[in-house]
């Protein structure tokens, strides 16, 4: 029976130098050769997942945008959970009118649109993908949106989260970092994405392993029996998993795979 190996990227699959360690790569490559499915799970867009995961395998399913877009190993859509572009436009207007220094980013499918402020430029360096600079008027032409990412100071992001949650209870508005605000359709998260993948590939619960390191991974860690927190995870996250491994800098994923999957 094949295993499903789902892993967060930042702080989990890659180390602090934005690299997959050689031992982690070797462990995952071995599991793939044995027939297991490696599934990267991330808030990133598909192309930004590829910049990391393509070092491990040529063909793999993925959970992008925190579960808003799921693709199979042939890049075909498994499921899509966008939200109305009218809501995105209202959010962008609030940002531009009240927080002119906040970077806004709109994602749909394989496309990334932004106002190209410094926060976005830094994000481009991290994920090694370039966004397309547009105006709010250009965003009006999109039929829908998978995710909005807002980048600002911790105070700006706190204020925006409070304000936007009051206006749009129909959206999930969560901080992935103190300076990053992610906005998706209601009920969409990494946990919902993992559950959809389990159903799609019909993998029994005993054969599903999930790795994560942060609060936005908790829902997917709670969704499975074999949940693994990285050594660099906060204690609150570690308390909610079946296993705790070494950090992302110390081959944490490889050590679990080699110990329990052989």
C-alpha atoms as a PDB file:
ATOM      1  CA  UNK A   1       0.000   0.000   0.000  1.00  0.00           C
ATOM      2  CA  UNK A   2       1.366   3.413  -0.955  1.00  0.00           C
ATOM      3  CA  UNK A   3       1.780   6.151   1.624  1.00  0.00           C
ATOM      4  CA  UNK A   4       0.690   9.765   1.335  1.00  0.00           C
ATOM      5  CA  UNK A   5       3.448  12.056   2.615  1.00  0.00           C
ATOM      6  CA  UNK A   6       2.185  15.631   3.010  1.00  0.00           C
ATOM      7  CA  UNK A   7       4.631  18.297   4.093  1.00  0.00           C
ATOM      8  CA  UNK A   8       4.551  22.019   4.646  1.00  0.00           C
ATOM      9  CA  UNK A   9       7.373  23.854   2.865  1.00  0.00           C
ATOM     10  CA  UNK A  10       8.695  26.871   4.779  1.00  0.00           C
ATOM     11  CA  UNK A  11      10.173  25.828   8.119  1.00  0.00           C
ATOM     12  CA  UNK A  12       9.464  22.160   7.412  1.00  0.00           C
ATOM     13  CA  UNK A  13      10.617  20.832   4.043  1.00  0.00           C
ATOM     14  CA  UNK A  14      13.282  23.505   3.581  1.00  0.00           C
ATOM     15  CA  UNK A  15      15.874  24.676   6.084  1.00  0.00           C
ATOM     16  CA  UNK A  16      16.600  28.241   7.120  1.00  0.00           C
ATOM     17  CA  UNK A  17      18.740  28.681   3.994  1.00  0.00           C
ATOM     18  CA  UNK A  18      15.660  27.907   1.837  1.00  0.00           C
ATOM     19  CA  UNK A  19      17.140  24.518   0.833  1.00  0.00           C
ATOM     20  CA  UNK A  20      15.982  20.903   1.075  1.00  0.00           C
ATOM     21  CA  UNK A  21      18.742  19.133   3.002  1.00  0.00           C
ATOM     22  CA  UNK A  22      20.465  16.255   1.153  1.00  0.00           C
ATOM     23  CA  UNK A  23      19.247  13.643   3.659  1.00  0.00           C
ATOM     24  CA  UNK A  24      15.652  14.870   3.434  1.00  0.00           C
ATOM     25  CA  UNK A  25      15.815  14.828  -0.362  1.00  0.00           C
ATOM     26  CA  UNK A  26      17.231  11.302  -0.376  1.00  0.00           C
ATOM     27  CA  UNK A  27      14.590  10.021   2.050  1.00  0.00           C
ATOM     28  CA  UNK A  28      11.739  11.474  -0.018  1.00  0.00           C
ATOM     29  CA  UNK A  29      13.226  10.280  -3.312  1.00  0.00           C
ATOM     30  CA  UNK A  30      13.441   6.773  -1.859  1.00  0.00           C
ATOM     31  CA  UNK A  31       9.794   6.822  -0.776  1.00  0.00           C
ATOM     32  CA  UNK A  32       8.730   8.086  -4.215  1.00  0.00           C
ATOM     33  CA  UNK A  33      10.647   5.246  -5.914  1.00  0.00           C
ATOM     34  CA  UNK A  34       8.796   2.811  -3.648  1.00  0.00           C
ATOM     35  CA  UNK A  35       5.480   4.196  -4.915  1.00  0.00           C
ATOM     36  CA  UNK A  36       4.558   6.684  -2.211  1.00  0.00           C
ATOM     37  CA  UNK A  37       2.989  10.042  -3.060  1.00  0.00           C
ATOM     38  CA  UNK A  38       4.878  13.154  -1.966  1.00  0.00           C
ATOM     39  CA  UNK A  39       2.517  16.125  -1.611  1.00  0.00           C
ATOM     40  CA  UNK A  40       3.894  19.598  -0.805  1.00  0.00           C
ATOM     41  CA  UNK A  41       1.367  21.721   1.099  1.00  0.00           C
ATOM     42  CA  UNK A  42       1.741  25.482   1.151  1.00  0.00           C
ATOM     43  CA  UNK A  43       0.242  28.946   1.087  1.00  0.00           C
ATOM     44  CA  UNK A  44       2.459  29.440  -1.970  1.00  0.00           C
ATOM     45  CA  UNK A  45       1.226  29.492  -5.570  1.00  0.00           C
ATOM     46  CA  UNK A  46       1.966  26.379  -7.700  1.00  0.00           C
ATOM     47  CA  UNK A  47       5.025  27.898  -9.394  1.00  0.00           C
ATOM     48  CA  UNK A  48       6.523  28.847  -6.028  1.00  0.00           C
ATOM     49  CA  UNK A  49       5.989  25.288  -4.781  1.00  0.00           C
ATOM     50  CA  UNK A  50       7.773  23.995  -7.879  1.00  0.00           C
ATOM     51  CA  UNK A  51      10.907  26.022  -7.113  1.00  0.00           C
ATOM     52  CA  UNK A  52      11.377  23.766  -4.079  1.00  0.00           C
ATOM     53  CA  UNK A  53       9.641  20.480  -4.859  1.00  0.00           C
ATOM     54  CA  UNK A  54      11.071  20.017  -8.361  1.00  0.00           C
ATOM     55  CA  UNK A  55      14.398  19.172  -6.712  1.00  0.00           C
ATOM     56  CA  UNK A  56      12.750  16.073  -5.223  1.00  0.00           C
ATOM     57  CA  UNK A  57      10.593  14.744  -8.048  1.00  0.00           C
ATOM     58  CA  UNK A  58       9.410  15.623 -11.535  1.00  0.00           C
ATOM     59  CA  UNK A  59       5.743  14.809 -10.998  1.00  0.00           C
ATOM     60  CA  UNK A  60       3.853  15.290  -7.732  1.00  0.00           C
ATOM     61  CA  UNK A  61       0.426  16.429  -6.565  1.00  0.00           C
ATOM     62  CA  UNK A  62       0.268  19.656  -4.576  1.00  0.00           C
ATOM     63  CA  UNK A  63      -1.923  21.639  -2.221  1.00  0.00           C
ATOM     64  CA  UNK A  64      -1.444  25.329  -3.005  1.00  0.00           C
ATOM     65  CA  UNK A  65      -2.934  28.514  -1.551  1.00  0.00           C
ATOM     66  CA  UNK A  66      -3.526  26.781   1.809  1.00  0.00           C
ATOM     67  CA  UNK A  67      -5.976  24.364   0.192  1.00  0.00           C
ATOM     68  CA  UNK A  68      -7.716  26.700  -2.270  1.00  0.00           C
ATOM     69  CA  UNK A  69      -6.237  24.943  -5.326  1.00  0.00           C
ATOM     70  CA  UNK A  70      -5.310  21.246  -5.503  1.00  0.00           C
ATOM     71  CA  UNK A  71      -3.443  19.817  -8.497  1.00  0.00           C
ATOM     72  CA  UNK A  72      -2.572  16.212  -9.328  1.00  0.00           C
ATOM     73  CA  UNK A  73       0.816  14.902 -10.456  1.00  0.00           C
ATOM     74  CA  UNK A  74      -0.015  15.862 -14.067  1.00  0.00           C
ATOM     75  CA  UNK A  75      -0.885  19.468 -13.134  1.00  0.00           C
ATOM     76  CA  UNK A  76      -4.594  18.774 -13.607  1.00  0.00           C
ATOM     77  CA  UNK A  77      -7.018  20.420 -11.211  1.00  0.00           C
ATOM     78  CA  UNK A  78      -8.419  18.186  -8.471  1.00  0.00           C
ATOM     79  CA  UNK A  79     -10.402  20.948  -6.795  1.00  0.00           C
ATOM     80  CA  UNK A  80     -10.627  24.724  -6.728  1.00  0.00           C
ATOM     81  CA  UNK A  81     -12.089  26.967  -4.010  1.00  0.00           C
ATOM     82  CA  UNK A  82     -11.903  30.621  -5.111  1.00  0.00           C
ATOM     83  CA  UNK A  83     -13.892  33.571  -3.781  1.00  0.00           C
ATOM     84  CA  UNK A  84     -15.713  36.383  -5.555  1.00  0.00           C
ATOM     85  CA  UNK A  85     -13.585  39.053  -7.166  1.00  0.00           C
ATOM     86  CA  UNK A  86     -15.963  41.742  -5.843  1.00  0.00           C
ATOM     87  CA  UNK A  87     -14.804  40.903  -2.316  1.00  0.00           C
ATOM     88  CA  UNK A  88     -11.183  41.080  -3.393  1.00  0.00           C
ATOM     89  CA  UNK A  89     -11.738  44.518  -4.935  1.00  0.00           C
ATOM     90  CA  UNK A  90     -13.318  45.848  -1.737  1.00  0.00           C
ATOM     91  CA  UNK A  91     -10.371  44.553   0.322  1.00  0.00           C
ATOM     92  CA  UNK A  92      -7.824  46.139  -2.020  1.00  0.00           C
ATOM     93  CA  UNK A  93      -9.683  49.459  -1.893  1.00  0.00           C
ATOM     94  CA  UNK A  94      -9.598  49.434   1.914  1.00  0.00           C
ATOM     95  CA  UNK A  95      -5.865  48.734   1.819  1.00  0.00           C
ATOM     96  CA  UNK A  96      -5.028  51.456  -0.702  1.00  0.00           C
ATOM     97  CA  UNK A  97      -7.193  54.089   0.994  1.00  0.00           C
ATOM     98  CA  UNK A  98      -6.043  53.426   4.563  1.00  0.00           C
ATOM     99  CA  UNK A  99      -2.721  51.571   4.366  1.00  0.00           C
ATOM    100  CA  UNK A 100      -0.811  52.895   1.332  1.00  0.00           C
ATOM    101  CA  UNK A 101       2.437  51.192   2.372  1.00  0.00           C
ATOM    102  CA  UNK A 102       0.914  47.705   2.608  1.00  0.00           C
ATOM    103  CA  UNK A 103       1.759  45.372  -0.268  1.00  0.00           C
ATOM    104  CA  UNK A 104      -1.246  43.606  -1.754  1.00  0.00           C
ATOM    105  CA  UNK A 105      -1.033  40.430  -3.804  1.00  0.00           C
ATOM    106  CA  UNK A 106      -3.834  38.666  -5.672  1.00  0.00           C
ATOM    107  CA  UNK A 107      -3.501  35.062  -6.814  1.00  0.00           C
ATOM    108  CA  UNK A 108      -5.623  33.149  -9.293  1.00  0.00           C
ATOM    109  CA  UNK A 109      -4.526  29.782 -10.638  1.00  0.00           C
ATOM    110  CA  UNK A 110      -0.996  30.146 -11.969  1.00  0.00           C
ATOM    111  CA  UNK A 111      -1.059  33.957 -11.890  1.00  0.00           C
ATOM    112  CA  UNK A 112       0.244  36.409  -9.284  1.00  0.00           C
ATOM    113  CA  UNK A 113      -0.742  40.083  -9.471  1.00  0.00           C
ATOM    114  CA  UNK A 114       0.514  42.810  -7.125  1.00  0.00           C
ATOM    115  CA  UNK A 115       1.144  46.499  -6.513  1.00  0.00           C
ATOM    116  CA  UNK A 116       4.904  45.735  -6.459  1.00  0.00           C
ATOM    117  CA  UNK A 117       5.649  47.513  -3.177  1.00  0.00           C
ATOM    118  CA  UNK A 118       8.750  46.490  -1.154  1.00  0.00           C
ATOM    119  CA  UNK A 119       6.933  43.712   0.720  1.00  0.00           C
ATOM    120  CA  UNK A 120       6.083  42.003  -2.555  1.00  0.00           C
ATOM    121  CA  UNK A 121       9.616  42.408  -3.880  1.00  0.00           C
ATOM    122  CA  UNK A 122      10.930  40.619  -0.787  1.00  0.00           C
ATOM    123  CA  UNK A 123       8.352  37.845  -1.230  1.00  0.00           C
ATOM    124  CA  UNK A 124       9.480  37.423  -4.845  1.00  0.00           C
ATOM    125  CA  UNK A 125      13.044  36.835  -3.658  1.00  0.00           C
ATOM    126  CA  UNK A 126      11.920  34.208  -1.160  1.00  0.00           C
ATOM    127  CA  UNK A 127       9.742  32.162  -3.538  1.00  0.00           C
ATOM    128  CA  UNK A 128      11.839  32.851  -6.679  1.00  0.00           C
ATOM    129  CA  UNK A 129       8.822  33.843  -8.760  1.00  0.00           C
ATOM    130  CA  UNK A 130       7.971  37.296 -10.139  1.00  0.00           C
ATOM    131  CA  UNK A 131       4.556  38.894  -9.814  1.00  0.00           C
ATOM    132  CA  UNK A 132       2.866  41.056 -12.443  1.00  0.00           C
ATOM    133  CA  UNK A 133       2.353  44.685 -11.458  1.00  0.00           C
ATOM    134  CA  UNK A 134      -1.259  45.773 -11.927  1.00  0.00           C
ATOM    135  CA  UNK A 135      -3.796  48.307 -10.707  1.00  0.00           C
ATOM    136  CA  UNK A 136      -7.050  47.577  -8.902  1.00  0.00           C
ATOM    137  CA  UNK A 137      -8.808  48.297 -12.202  1.00  0.00           C
ATOM    138  CA  UNK A 138      -6.899  45.405 -13.780  1.00  0.00           C
ATOM    139  CA  UNK A 139      -8.041  43.077 -10.979  1.00  0.00           C
ATOM    140  CA  UNK A 140     -11.665  43.857 -11.908  1.00  0.00           C
ATOM    141  CA  UNK A 141     -11.170  41.787 -15.073  1.00  0.00           C
ATOM    142  CA  UNK A 142     -10.549  38.586 -13.113  1.00  0.00           C
ATOM    143  CA  UNK A 143     -13.570  36.290 -12.647  1.00  0.00           C
ATOM    144  CA  UNK A 144     -12.437  35.073  -9.209  1.00  0.00           C
ATOM    145  CA  UNK A 145      -9.521  34.891  -6.795  1.00  0.00           C
ATOM    146  CA  UNK A 146      -7.859  32.007  -4.898  1.00  0.00           C
ATOM    147  CA  UNK A 147      -5.955  34.073  -2.343  1.00  0.00           C
ATOM    148  CA  UNK A 148      -5.018  37.571  -1.269  1.00  0.00           C
ATOM    149  CA  UNK A 149      -1.761  38.165   0.598  1.00  0.00           C
ATOM    150  CA  UNK A 150      -1.229  41.439   2.458  1.00  0.00           C
ATOM    151  CA  UNK A 151       2.286  42.359   3.653  1.00  0.00           C
ATOM    152  CA  UNK A 152       2.875  45.156   6.145  1.00  0.00           C
ATOM    153  CA  UNK A 153       4.052  45.986   9.634  1.00  0.00           C
ATOM    154  CA  UNK A 154       2.773  43.893  12.541  1.00  0.00           C
ATOM    155  CA  UNK A 155       0.519  46.778  13.602  1.00  0.00           C
ATOM    156  CA  UNK A 156      -0.898  47.270  10.102  1.00  0.00           C
ATOM    157  CA  UNK A 157      -1.604  43.562   9.739  1.00  0.00           C
ATOM    158  CA  UNK A 158      -3.275  43.386  13.177  1.00  0.00           C
ATOM    159  CA  UNK A 159      -5.542  46.302  12.297  1.00  0.00           C
ATOM    160  CA  UNK A 160      -6.373  44.908   8.858  1.00  0.00           C
ATOM    161  CA  UNK A 161      -7.202  41.478  10.243  1.00  0.00           C
ATOM    162  CA  UNK A 162      -9.633  42.953  12.785  1.00  0.00           C
ATOM    163  CA  UNK A 163     -11.221  45.296  10.246  1.00  0.00           C
ATOM    164  CA  UNK A 164     -11.559  42.745   7.430  1.00  0.00           C
ATOM    165  CA  UNK A 165     -12.906  39.978   9.664  1.00  0.00           C
ATOM    166  CA  UNK A 166     -15.698  42.318  10.761  1.00  0.00           C
ATOM    167  CA  UNK A 167     -16.593  43.110   7.145  1.00  0.00           C
ATOM    168  CA  UNK A 168     -16.156  39.621   5.683  1.00  0.00           C
ATOM    169  CA  UNK A 169     -17.044  36.779   8.072  1.00  0.00           C
ATOM    170  CA  UNK A 170     -17.558  34.698   4.903  1.00  0.00           C
ATOM    171  CA  UNK A 171     -13.783  34.658   4.310  1.00  0.00           C
ATOM    172  CA  UNK A 172     -10.941  33.042   6.250  1.00  0.00           C
ATOM    173  CA  UNK A 173      -8.534  35.841   7.219  1.00  0.00           C
ATOM    174  CA  UNK A 174      -5.477  34.502   9.036  1.00  0.00           C
ATOM    175  CA  UNK A 175      -1.932  35.586   9.847  1.00  0.00           C
ATOM    176  CA  UNK A 176       0.789  33.209   8.656  1.00  0.00           C
ATOM    177  CA  UNK A 177       3.371  35.550  10.215  1.00  0.00           C
ATOM    178  CA  UNK A 178       2.964  38.792  12.203  1.00  0.00           C
ATOM    179  CA  UNK A 179       3.571  40.721   8.969  1.00  0.00           C
ATOM    180  CA  UNK A 180       1.597  38.500   6.562  1.00  0.00           C
ATOM    181  CA  UNK A 181      -2.190  38.277   6.224  1.00  0.00           C
ATOM    182  CA  UNK A 182      -3.675  35.496   4.081  1.00  0.00           C
ATOM    183  CA  UNK A 183      -7.269  35.676   2.816  1.00  0.00           C
ATOM    184  CA  UNK A 184      -9.095  32.652   1.367  1.00  0.00           C
ATOM    185  CA  UNK A 185     -12.625  31.334   0.985  1.00  0.00           C
ATOM    186  CA  UNK A 186     -14.298  30.301   4.253  1.00  0.00           C
ATOM    187  CA  UNK A 187     -13.427  26.827   5.508  1.00  0.00           C
ATOM    188  CA  UNK A 188     -10.423  26.481   3.218  1.00  0.00           C
ATOM    189  CA  UNK A 189      -7.179  25.547   4.919  1.00  0.00           C
ATOM    190  CA  UNK A 190      -4.370  23.005   4.762  1.00  0.00           C
ATOM    191  CA  UNK A 191      -6.487  20.518   6.709  1.00  0.00           C
ATOM    192  CA  UNK A 192      -9.344  20.628   4.208  1.00  0.00           C
ATOM    193  CA  UNK A 193      -6.783  20.204   1.425  1.00  0.00           C
ATOM    194  CA  UNK A 194      -5.215  17.128   3.007  1.00  0.00           C
ATOM    195  CA  UNK A 195      -8.643  15.550   3.534  1.00  0.00           C
ATOM    196  CA  UNK A 196      -9.482  16.125  -0.138  1.00  0.00           C
ATOM    197  CA  UNK A 197      -6.209  14.496  -1.212  1.00  0.00           C
ATOM    198  CA  UNK A 198      -6.848  11.477   1.036  1.00  0.00           C
ATOM    199  CA  UNK A 199     -10.283  11.072  -0.538  1.00  0.00           C
ATOM    200  CA  UNK A 200      -9.031  11.627  -4.087  1.00  0.00           C
ATOM    201  CA  UNK A 201      -6.241   9.058  -3.853  1.00  0.00           C
ATOM    202  CA  UNK A 202      -8.227   6.735  -1.538  1.00  0.00           C
ATOM    203  CA  UNK A 203      -5.377   6.231   0.918  1.00  0.00           C
ATOM    204  CA  UNK A 204      -6.233   4.567   4.283  1.00  0.00           C
ATOM    205  CA  UNK A 205      -5.634   6.690   7.383  1.00  0.00           C
ATOM    206  CA  UNK A 206      -2.788   4.467   8.610  1.00  0.00           C
ATOM    207  CA  UNK A 207      -0.797   5.329   5.485  1.00  0.00           C
ATOM    208  CA  UNK A 208      -0.976   9.122   5.680  1.00  0.00           C
ATOM    209  CA  UNK A 209       1.855  11.170   7.215  1.00  0.00           C
ATOM    210  CA  UNK A 210       1.754  14.947   7.665  1.00  0.00           C
ATOM    211  CA  UNK A 211       4.655  17.243   8.620  1.00  0.00           C
ATOM    212  CA  UNK A 212       4.355  20.867   9.784  1.00  0.00           C
ATOM    213  CA  UNK A 213       5.978  23.526  11.922  1.00  0.00           C
ATOM    214  CA  UNK A 214       3.576  26.376  12.558  1.00  0.00           C
ATOM    215  CA  UNK A 215       0.099  27.423  13.615  1.00  0.00           C
ATOM    216  CA  UNK A 216      -1.234  27.467  10.057  1.00  0.00           C
ATOM    217  CA  UNK A 217      -0.319  23.754   9.858  1.00  0.00           C
ATOM    218  CA  UNK A 218      -2.370  22.723  12.899  1.00  0.00           C
ATOM    219  CA  UNK A 219      -5.571  21.913  11.000  1.00  0.00           C
ATOM    220  CA  UNK A 220      -3.796  19.476   8.682  1.00  0.00           C
ATOM    221  CA  UNK A 221      -1.847  17.980  11.586  1.00  0.00           C
ATOM    222  CA  UNK A 222      -5.131  17.381  13.419  1.00  0.00           C
ATOM    223  CA  UNK A 223      -6.650  15.755  10.331  1.00  0.00           C
ATOM    224  CA  UNK A 224      -4.478  12.617  10.421  1.00  0.00           C
ATOM    225  CA  UNK A 225      -3.245   9.893  12.774  1.00  0.00           C
ATOM    226  CA  UNK A 226       0.446  10.218  11.874  1.00  0.00           C
ATOM    227  CA  UNK A 227       1.061  13.923  12.502  1.00  0.00           C
ATOM    228  CA  UNK A 228       4.617  15.184  12.943  1.00  0.00           C
ATOM    229  CA  UNK A 229       5.742  18.530  14.361  1.00  0.00           C
ATOM    230  CA  UNK A 230       9.201  19.752  13.492  1.00  0.00           C
ATOM    231  CA  UNK A 231      11.660  20.469  16.301  1.00  0.00           C
ATOM    232  CA  UNK A 232      11.492  24.173  15.425  1.00  0.00           C
ATOM    233  CA  UNK A 233       7.703  24.273  15.903  1.00  0.00           C
ATOM    234  CA  UNK A 234       6.184  26.225  18.825  1.00  0.00           C
ATOM    235  CA  UNK A 235       5.372  24.096  21.873  1.00  0.00           C
ATOM    236  CA  UNK A 236       1.642  24.678  21.325  1.00  0.00           C
ATOM    237  CA  UNK A 237       1.941  22.984  17.931  1.00  0.00           C
ATOM    238  CA  UNK A 238       4.062  20.112  19.246  1.00  0.00           C
ATOM    239  CA  UNK A 239       1.417  19.305  21.872  1.00  0.00           C
ATOM    240  CA  UNK A 240      -1.122  18.603  19.122  1.00  0.00           C
ATOM    241  CA  UNK A 241       0.855  16.016  17.140  1.00  0.00           C
ATOM    242  CA  UNK A 242       1.542  12.309  17.485  1.00  0.00           C
ATOM    243  CA  UNK A 243       5.272  12.739  16.898  1.00  0.00           C
ATOM    244  CA  UNK A 244       7.929  15.420  17.284  1.00  0.00           C
ATOM    245  CA  UNK A 245      11.049  15.199  15.144  1.00  0.00           C
ATOM    246  CA  UNK A 246      14.236  17.235  14.785  1.00  0.00           C
ATOM    247  CA  UNK A 247      14.208  20.691  13.217  1.00  0.00           C
ATOM    248  CA  UNK A 248      14.068  21.640   9.559  1.00  0.00           C
ATOM    249  CA  UNK A 249      17.817  22.303   9.773  1.00  0.00           C
ATOM    250  CA  UNK A 250      18.525  18.824  11.174  1.00  0.00           C
ATOM    251  CA  UNK A 251      16.835  16.462   8.677  1.00  0.00           C
ATOM    252  CA  UNK A 252      13.643  16.146  10.738  1.00  0.00           C
ATOM    253  CA  UNK A 253      11.534  14.724   7.910  1.00  0.00           C
ATOM    254  CA  UNK A 254      14.190  12.209   6.880  1.00  0.00           C
ATOM    255  CA  UNK A 255      14.560  10.891  10.420  1.00  0.00           C
ATOM    256  CA  UNK A 256      10.848  10.104  10.733  1.00  0.00           C
ATOM    257  CA  UNK A 257      10.566   8.539   7.269  1.00  0.00           C
ATOM    258  CA  UNK A 258      13.626   6.358   7.804  1.00  0.00           C
ATOM    259  CA  UNK A 259      12.529   5.285  11.290  1.00  0.00           C
ATOM    260  CA  UNK A 260       8.854   4.515  10.718  1.00  0.00           C
ATOM    261  CA  UNK A 261       8.507   3.817   6.995  1.00  0.00           C
ATOM    262  CA  UNK A 262      11.839   2.051   6.543  1.00  0.00           C
END
